[in-house]
PDB file of all heavy atoms in Angstrom:
ATOM      1  N   LEU A   1      18.020 110.084 154.464  1.00  0.00           N
ATOM      2  CA  LEU A   1      17.212 110.599 153.356  1.00  0.00           C
ATOM      3  C   LEU A   1      17.196 109.616 152.193  1.00  0.00           C
ATOM      4  O   LEU A   1      16.135 109.335 151.612  1.00  0.00           O
ATOM      5  CB  LEU A   1      17.742 111.961 152.903  1.00  0.00           C
ATOM      6  CG  LEU A   1      17.475 113.133 153.859  1.00  0.00           C
ATOM      7  CD1 LEU A   1      18.313 114.342 153.457  1.00  0.00           C
ATOM      8  CD2 LEU A   1      15.987 113.514 153.852  1.00  0.00           C
ATOM      9  N   LEU A   2      18.363 109.079 151.844  1.00  0.00           N
ATOM     10  CA  LEU A   2      18.418 108.134 150.726  1.00  0.00           C
ATOM     11  C   LEU A   2      17.687 106.843 151.068  1.00  0.00           C
ATOM     12  O   LEU A   2      17.042 106.246 150.201  1.00  0.00           O
ATOM     13  CB  LEU A   2      19.868 107.864 150.331  1.00  0.00           C
ATOM     14  CG  LEU A   2      20.402 108.729 149.170  1.00  0.00           C
ATOM     15  CD1 LEU A   2      20.381 110.202 149.521  1.00  0.00           C
ATOM     16  CD2 LEU A   2      21.797 108.304 148.770  1.00  0.00           C
ATOM     17  N   GLU A   3      17.781 106.406 152.311  1.00  0.00           N
ATOM     18  CA  GLU A   3      17.030 105.218 152.735  1.00  0.00           C
ATOM     19  C   GLU A   3      15.534 105.414 152.518  1.00  0.00           C
ATOM     20  O   GLU A   3      14.804 104.471 152.202  1.00  0.00           O
ATOM     21  CB  GLU A   3      17.291 104.924 154.209  1.00  0.00           C
ATOM     22  CG  GLU A   3      18.639 104.297 154.502  1.00  0.00           C
ATOM     23  CD  GLU A   3      18.844 104.088 155.989  1.00  0.00           C
ATOM     24  OE1 GLU A   3      17.914 104.423 156.770  1.00  0.00           O
ATOM     25  OE2 GLU A   3      19.912 103.591 156.379  1.00  0.00           O
ATOM     26  N   ALA A   4      15.063 106.657 152.698  1.00  0.00           N
ATOM     27  CA  ALA A   4      13.644 106.976 152.547  1.00  0.00           C
ATOM     28  C   ALA A   4      13.264 107.251 151.097  1.00  0.00           C
ATOM     29  O   ALA A   4      12.115 107.585 150.810  1.00  0.00           O
ATOM     30  CB  ALA A   4      13.287 108.179 153.422  1.00  0.00           C
ATOM     31  N   GLY A   5      14.225 107.114 150.188  1.00  0.00           N
ATOM     32  CA  GLY A   5      13.948 107.330 148.774  1.00  0.00           C
ATOM     33  C   GLY A   5      13.944 108.778 148.350  1.00  0.00           C
ATOM     34  O   GLY A   5      13.452 109.123 147.266  1.00  0.00           O
ATOM     35  N   VAL A   6      14.512 109.663 149.185  1.00  0.00           N
ATOM     36  CA  VAL A   6      14.553 111.096 148.870  1.00  0.00           C
ATOM     37  C   VAL A   6      15.885 111.408 148.197  1.00  0.00           C
ATOM     38  O   VAL A   6      16.954 111.201 148.781  1.00  0.00           O
ATOM     39  CB  VAL A   6      14.400 111.951 150.148  1.00  0.00           C
ATOM     40  CG1 VAL A   6      14.369 113.434 149.791  1.00  0.00           C
ATOM     41  CG2 VAL A   6      13.147 111.555 150.905  1.00  0.00           C
ATOM     42  N   THR A   7      15.833 111.899 146.979  1.00  0.00           N
ATOM     43  CA  THR A   7      17.037 112.227 146.220  1.00  0.00           C
ATOM     44  C   THR A   7      16.898 113.615 145.598  1.00  0.00           C
ATOM     45  O   THR A   7      15.791 114.071 145.337  1.00  0.00           O
ATOM     46  CB  THR A   7      17.277 111.194 145.098  1.00  0.00           C
ATOM     47  OG1 THR A   7      16.130 111.162 144.239  1.00  0.00           O
ATOM     48  CG2 THR A   7      17.525 109.809 145.676  1.00  0.00           C
ATOM     49  N   PRO A   8      18.010 114.286 145.364  1.00  0.00           N
ATOM     50  CA  PRO A   8      17.953 115.628 144.787  1.00  0.00           C
ATOM     51  C   PRO A   8      18.195 115.619 143.278  1.00  0.00           C
ATOM     52  O   PRO A   8      18.773 114.676 142.732  1.00  0.00           O
ATOM     53  CB  PRO A   8      19.107 116.331 145.490  1.00  0.00           C
ATOM     54  CG  PRO A   8      20.145 115.247 145.599  1.00  0.00           C
ATOM     55  CD  PRO A   8      19.373 113.965 145.843  1.00  0.00           C
ATOM     56  N   ASP A   9      17.741 116.686 142.648  1.00  0.00           N
ATOM     57  CA  ASP A   9      18.086 116.918 141.249  1.00  0.00           C
ATOM     58  C   ASP A   9      19.394 117.692 141.131  1.00  0.00           C
ATOM     59  O   ASP A   9      20.097 117.579 140.132  1.00  0.00           O
ATOM     60  CB  ASP A   9      16.961 117.686 140.556  1.00  0.00           C
ATOM     61  CG  ASP A   9      15.665 116.887 140.507  1.00  0.00           C
ATOM     62  OD1 ASP A   9      15.647 115.863 139.808  1.00  0.00           O
ATOM     63  OD2 ASP A   9      14.688 117.275 141.171  1.00  0.00           O
ATOM     64  N   PHE A  10      19.699 118.483 142.145  1.00  0.00           N
ATOM     65  CA  PHE A  10      20.998 119.169 142.206  1.00  0.00           C
ATOM     66  C   PHE A  10      21.290 119.514 143.651  1.00  0.00           C
ATOM     67  O   PHE A  10      20.422 119.413 144.527  1.00  0.00           O
ATOM     68  CB  PHE A  10      21.048 120.406 141.310  1.00  0.00           C
ATOM     69  CG  PHE A  10      20.140 121.551 141.703  1.00  0.00           C
ATOM     70  CD1 PHE A  10      20.621 122.642 142.417  1.00  0.00           C
ATOM     71  CD2 PHE A  10      18.803 121.567 141.311  1.00  0.00           C
ATOM     72  CE1 PHE A  10      19.797 123.707 142.751  1.00  0.00           C
ATOM     73  CE2 PHE A  10      17.973 122.627 141.625  1.00  0.00           C
ATOM     74  CZ  PHE A  10      18.463 123.706 142.365  1.00  0.00           C
ATOM     75  N   VAL A  11      22.548 119.875 143.926  1.00  0.00           N
ATOM     76  CA  VAL A  11      22.974 120.195 145.281  1.00  0.00           C
ATOM     77  C   VAL A  11      23.687 121.535 145.304  1.00  0.00           C
ATOM     78  O   VAL A  11      24.305 121.960 144.314  1.00  0.00           O
ATOM     79  CB  VAL A  11      23.896 119.097 145.867  1.00  0.00           C
ATOM     80  CG1 VAL A  11      23.132 117.787 146.012  1.00  0.00           C
ATOM     81  CG2 VAL A  11      25.135 118.887 145.005  1.00  0.00           C
ATOM     82  N   VAL A  12      23.580 122.195 146.447  1.00  0.00           N
ATOM     83  CA  VAL A  12      24.231 123.488 146.661  1.00  0.00           C
ATOM     84  C   VAL A  12      24.914 123.433 148.020  1.00  0.00           C
ATOM     85  O   VAL A  12      24.311 122.968 149.000  1.00  0.00           O
ATOM     86  CB  VAL A  12      23.216 124.653 146.641  1.00  0.00           C
ATOM     87  CG1 VAL A  12      23.937 125.990 146.789  1.00  0.00           C
ATOM     88  CG2 VAL A  12      22.386 124.635 145.365  1.00  0.00           C
ATOM     89  N   GLY A  13      26.161 123.892 148.101  1.00  0.00           N
ATOM     90  CA  GLY A  13      26.877 123.824 149.369  1.00  0.00           C
ATOM     91  C   GLY A  13      27.761 125.019 149.619  1.00  0.00           C
ATOM     92  O   GLY A  13      28.203 125.695 148.685  1.00  0.00           O
ATOM     93  N   SER A  14      28.001 125.266 150.896  1.00  0.00           N
ATOM     94  CA  SER A  14      28.867 126.366 151.306  1.00  0.00           C
ATOM     95  C   SER A  14      29.793 125.905 152.411  1.00  0.00           C
ATOM     96  O   SER A  14      29.386 125.124 153.291  1.00  0.00           O
ATOM     97  CB  SER A  14      28.020 127.543 151.804  1.00  0.00           C
ATOM     98  OG  SER A  14      28.825 128.588 152.323  1.00  0.00           O
ATOM     99  N   SER A  15      31.053 126.340 152.380  1.00  0.00           N
ATOM    100  CA  SER A  15      32.049 126.014 153.390  1.00  0.00           C
ATOM    101  C   SER A  15      32.218 124.492 153.475  1.00  0.00           C
ATOM    102  O   SER A  15      32.375 123.836 152.452  1.00  0.00           O
ATOM    103  CB  SER A  15      31.648 126.632 154.731  1.00  0.00           C
ATOM    104  OG  SER A  15      32.744 126.688 155.602  1.00  0.00           O
ATOM    105  N   VAL A  16      32.156 123.883 154.668  1.00  0.00           N
ATOM    106  CA  VAL A  16      32.291 122.427 154.728  1.00  0.00           C
ATOM    107  C   VAL A  16      31.125 121.760 154.000  1.00  0.00           C
ATOM    108  O   VAL A  16      31.241 120.639 153.505  1.00  0.00           O
ATOM    109  CB  VAL A  16      32.386 121.936 156.192  1.00  0.00           C
ATOM    110  CG1 VAL A  16      31.035 122.025 156.892  1.00  0.00           C
ATOM    111  CG2 VAL A  16      32.913 120.519 156.259  1.00  0.00           C
ATOM    112  N   GLY A  17      29.998 122.466 153.899  1.00  0.00           N
ATOM    113  CA  GLY A  17      28.875 121.949 153.128  1.00  0.00           C
ATOM    114  C   GLY A  17      29.197 121.837 151.656  1.00  0.00           C
ATOM    115  O   GLY A  17      28.628 120.992 150.946  1.00  0.00           O
ATOM    116  N   ALA A  18      30.107 122.670 151.167  1.00  0.00           N
ATOM    117  CA  ALA A  18      30.541 122.567 149.774  1.00  0.00           C
ATOM    118  C   ALA A  18      31.344 121.292 149.565  1.00  0.00           C
ATOM    119  O   ALA A  18      31.236 120.636 148.525  1.00  0.00           O
ATOM    120  CB  ALA A  18      31.387 123.786 149.386  1.00  0.00           C
ATOM    121  N   LEU A  19      32.137 120.936 150.559  1.00  0.00           N
ATOM    122  CA  LEU A  19      32.904 119.686 150.472  1.00  0.00           C
ATOM    123  C   LEU A  19      31.948 118.490 150.432  1.00  0.00           C
ATOM    124  O   LEU A  19      32.078 117.610 149.580  1.00  0.00           O
ATOM    125  CB  LEU A  19      33.855 119.593 151.662  1.00  0.00           C
ATOM    126  CG  LEU A  19      34.879 118.462 151.661  1.00  0.00           C
ATOM    127  CD1 LEU A  19      36.152 118.917 152.376  1.00  0.00           C
ATOM    128  CD2 LEU A  19      34.330 117.227 152.360  1.00  0.00           C
ATOM    129  N   ASN A  20      30.977 118.465 151.342  1.00  0.00           N
ATOM    130  CA  ASN A  20      30.028 117.354 151.362  1.00  0.00           C
ATOM    131  C   ASN A  20      29.182 117.317 150.097  1.00  0.00           C
ATOM    132  O   ASN A  20      28.933 116.246 149.534  1.00  0.00           O
ATOM    133  CB  ASN A  20      29.118 117.460 152.589  1.00  0.00           C
ATOM    134  CG  ASN A  20      29.795 116.989 153.860  1.00  0.00           C
ATOM    135  OD1 ASN A  20      30.725 116.187 153.824  1.00  0.00           O
ATOM    136  ND2 ASN A  20      29.340 117.480 154.993  1.00  0.00           N
ATOM    137  N   ALA A  21      28.739 118.478 149.645  1.00  0.00           N
ATOM    138  CA  ALA A  21      27.936 118.534 148.417  1.00  0.00           C
ATOM    139  C   ALA A  21      28.752 118.062 147.226  1.00  0.00           C
ATOM    140  O   ALA A  21      28.258 117.341 146.358  1.00  0.00           O
ATOM    141  CB  ALA A  21      27.429 119.954 148.193  1.00  0.00           C
ATOM    142  N   GLY A  22      30.023 118.464 147.179  1.00  0.00           N
ATOM    143  CA  GLY A  22      30.880 118.081 146.067  1.00  0.00           C
ATOM    144  C   GLY A  22      31.109 116.586 145.998  1.00  0.00           C
ATOM    145  O   GLY A  22      31.014 115.976 144.928  1.00  0.00           O
ATOM    146  N   PHE A  23      31.396 115.970 147.139  1.00  0.00           N
ATOM    147  CA  PHE A  23      31.605 114.520 147.157  1.00  0.00           C
ATOM    148  C   PHE A  23      30.315 113.775 146.849  1.00  0.00           C
ATOM    149  O   PHE A  23      30.311 112.794 146.101  1.00  0.00           O
ATOM    150  CB  PHE A  23      32.154 114.078 148.510  1.00  0.00           C
ATOM    151  CG  PHE A  23      33.627 114.370 148.697  1.00  0.00           C
ATOM    152  CD1 PHE A  23      34.090 115.004 149.832  1.00  0.00           C
ATOM    153  CD2 PHE A  23      34.552 114.013 147.727  1.00  0.00           C
ATOM    154  CE1 PHE A  23      35.440 115.282 150.007  1.00  0.00           C
ATOM    155  CE2 PHE A  23      35.903 114.277 147.880  1.00  0.00           C
ATOM    156  CZ  PHE A  23      36.341 114.923 149.024  1.00  0.00           C
ATOM    157  N   PHE A  24      29.202 114.228 147.424  1.00  0.00           N
ATOM    158  CA  PHE A  24      27.930 113.557 147.191  1.00  0.00           C
ATOM    159  C   PHE A  24      27.519 113.660 145.732  1.00  0.00           C
ATOM    160  O   PHE A  24      27.010 112.689 145.149  1.00  0.00           O
ATOM    161  CB  PHE A  24      26.850 114.159 148.096  1.00  0.00           C
ATOM    162  CG  PHE A  24      25.486 113.569 147.890  1.00  0.00           C
ATOM    163  CD1 PHE A  24      25.218 112.255 148.253  1.00  0.00           C
ATOM    164  CD2 PHE A  24      24.466 114.312 147.324  1.00  0.00           C
ATOM    165  CE1 PHE A  24      23.951 111.707 148.057  1.00  0.00           C
ATOM    166  CE2 PHE A  24      23.204 113.777 147.127  1.00  0.00           C
ATOM    167  CZ  PHE A  24      22.943 112.463 147.499  1.00  0.00           C
ATOM    168  N   ALA A  25      27.760 114.799 145.091  1.00  0.00           N
ATOM    169  CA  ALA A  25      27.395 114.987 143.687  1.00  0.00           C
ATOM    170  C   ALA A  25      28.165 114.044 142.780  1.00  0.00           C
ATOM    171  O   ALA A  25      27.696 113.678 141.702  1.00  0.00           O
ATOM    172  CB  ALA A  25      27.636 116.435 143.260  1.00  0.00           C
ATOM    173  N   GLY A  26      29.350 113.625 143.205  1.00  0.00           N
ATOM    174  CA  GLY A  26      30.143 112.696 142.408  1.00  0.00           C
ATOM    175  C   GLY A  26      29.564 111.292 142.398  1.00  0.00           C
ATOM    176  O   GLY A  26      29.737 110.551 141.434  1.00  0.00           O
ATOM    177  N   ASP A  27      28.859 110.930 143.461  1.00  0.00           N
ATOM    178  CA  ASP A  27      28.236 109.606 143.554  1.00  0.00           C
ATOM    179  C   ASP A  27      27.023 109.719 144.477  1.00  0.00           C
ATOM    180  O   ASP A  27      27.101 109.384 145.660  1.00  0.00           O
ATOM    181  CB  ASP A  27      29.227 108.574 144.100  1.00  0.00           C
ATOM    182  CG  ASP A  27      28.652 107.149 144.092  1.00  0.00           C
ATOM    183  OD1 ASP A  27      27.508 106.967 143.638  1.00  0.00           O
ATOM    184  OD2 ASP A  27      29.362 106.237 144.559  1.00  0.00           O
ATOM    185  N   PRO A  28      25.887 110.204 143.965  1.00  0.00           N
ATOM    186  CA  PRO A  28      24.717 110.473 144.808  1.00  0.00           C
ATOM    187  C   PRO A  28      23.898 109.223 145.112  1.00  0.00           C
ATOM    188  O   PRO A  28      22.693 109.171 144.870  1.00  0.00           O
ATOM    189  CB  PRO A  28      23.927 111.482 143.962  1.00  0.00           C
ATOM    190  CG  PRO A  28      24.236 111.086 142.553  1.00  0.00           C
ATOM    191  CD  PRO A  28      25.674 110.621 142.564  1.00  0.00           C
ATOM    192  N   THR A  29      24.573 108.210 145.632  1.00  0.00           N
ATOM    193  CA  THR A  29      23.942 106.936 145.958  1.00  0.00           C
ATOM    194  C   THR A  29      24.294 106.558 147.396  1.00  0.00           C
ATOM    195  O   THR A  29      25.142 107.201 148.031  1.00  0.00           O
ATOM    196  CB  THR A  29      24.434 105.822 145.024  1.00  0.00           C
ATOM    197  OG1 THR A  29      25.833 105.578 145.281  1.00  0.00           O
ATOM    198  CG2 THR A  29      24.252 106.205 143.557  1.00  0.00           C
ATOM    199  N   ALA A  30      23.662 105.488 147.880  1.00  0.00           N
ATOM    200  CA  ALA A  30      23.990 104.998 149.213  1.00  0.00           C
ATOM    201  C   ALA A  30      25.465 104.620 149.298  1.00  0.00           C
ATOM    202  O   ALA A  30      26.122 104.852 150.315  1.00  0.00           O
ATOM    203  CB  ALA A  30      23.106 103.804 149.562  1.00  0.00           C
ATOM    204  N   GLY A  31      25.997 104.046 148.220  1.00  0.00           N
ATOM    205  CA  GLY A  31      27.415 103.710 148.188  1.00  0.00           C
ATOM    206  C   GLY A  31      28.288 104.940 148.284  1.00  0.00           C
ATOM    207  O   GLY A  31      29.337 104.926 148.943  1.00  0.00           O
ATOM    208  N   GLY A  32      27.866 106.010 147.620  1.00  0.00           N
ATOM    209  CA  GLY A  32      28.611 107.257 147.690  1.00  0.00           C
ATOM    210  C   GLY A  32      28.616 107.836 149.091  1.00  0.00           C
ATOM    211  O   GLY A  32      29.635 108.377 149.553  1.00  0.00           O
ATOM    212  N   VAL A  33      27.491 107.732 149.795  1.00  0.00           N
ATOM    213  CA  VAL A  33      27.417 108.214 151.170  1.00  0.00           C
ATOM    214  C   VAL A  33      28.310 107.374 152.073  1.00  0.00           C
ATOM    215  O   VAL A  33      28.969 107.895 152.975  1.00  0.00           O
ATOM    216  CB  VAL A  33      25.954 108.200 151.668  1.00  0.00           C
ATOM    217  CG1 VAL A  33      25.898 108.591 153.145  1.00  0.00           C
ATOM    218  CG2 VAL A  33      25.108 109.155 150.837  1.00  0.00           C
ATOM    219  N   THR A  34      28.366 106.067 151.828  1.00  0.00           N
ATOM    220  CA  THR A  34      29.268 105.191 152.587  1.00  0.00           C
ATOM    221  C   THR A  34      30.720 105.619 152.396  1.00  0.00           C
ATOM    222  O   THR A  34      31.503 105.654 153.350  1.00  0.00           O
ATOM    223  CB  THR A  34      29.093 103.730 152.142  1.00  0.00           C
ATOM    224  OG1 THR A  34      27.754 103.305 152.432  1.00  0.00           O
ATOM    225  CG2 THR A  34      30.068 102.821 152.874  1.00  0.00           C
ATOM    226  N   ASN A  35      31.078 105.960 151.169  1.00  0.00           N
ATOM    227  CA  ASN A  35      32.443 106.426 150.895  1.00  0.00           C
ATOM    228  C   ASN A  35      32.716 107.763 151.573  1.00  0.00           C
ATOM    229  O   ASN A  35      33.817 107.996 152.085  1.00  0.00           O
ATOM    230  CB  ASN A  35      32.659 106.551 149.391  1.00  0.00           C
ATOM    231  CG  ASN A  35      32.673 105.205 148.687  1.00  0.00           C
ATOM    232  OD1 ASN A  35      32.966 104.179 149.299  1.00  0.00           O
ATOM    233  ND2 ASN A  35      32.364 105.200 147.401  1.00  0.00           N
ATOM    234  N   LEU A  36      31.716 108.652 151.568  1.00  0.00           N
ATOM    235  CA  LEU A  36      31.873 109.948 152.232  1.00  0.00           C
ATOM    236  C   LEU A  36      32.048 109.748 153.734  1.00  0.00           C
ATOM    237  O   LEU A  36      32.865 110.426 154.366  1.00  0.00           O
ATOM    238  CB  LEU A  36      30.664 110.831 151.937  1.00  0.00           C
ATOM    239  CG  LEU A  36      30.641 112.218 152.581  1.00  0.00           C
ATOM    240  CD1 LEU A  36      31.886 113.024 152.197  1.00  0.00           C
ATOM    241  CD2 LEU A  36      29.374 112.975 152.175  1.00  0.00           C
TER     242      LEU A  36
END
């Protein structure tokens, strides 16, 4: 999604999705996804 230039204004997550949303929200960049 980030490669395609698609980015969010905010994120919502539940269960393991909350973990992924939380980490991504801390660094919502390609570098942040690499760290995740």
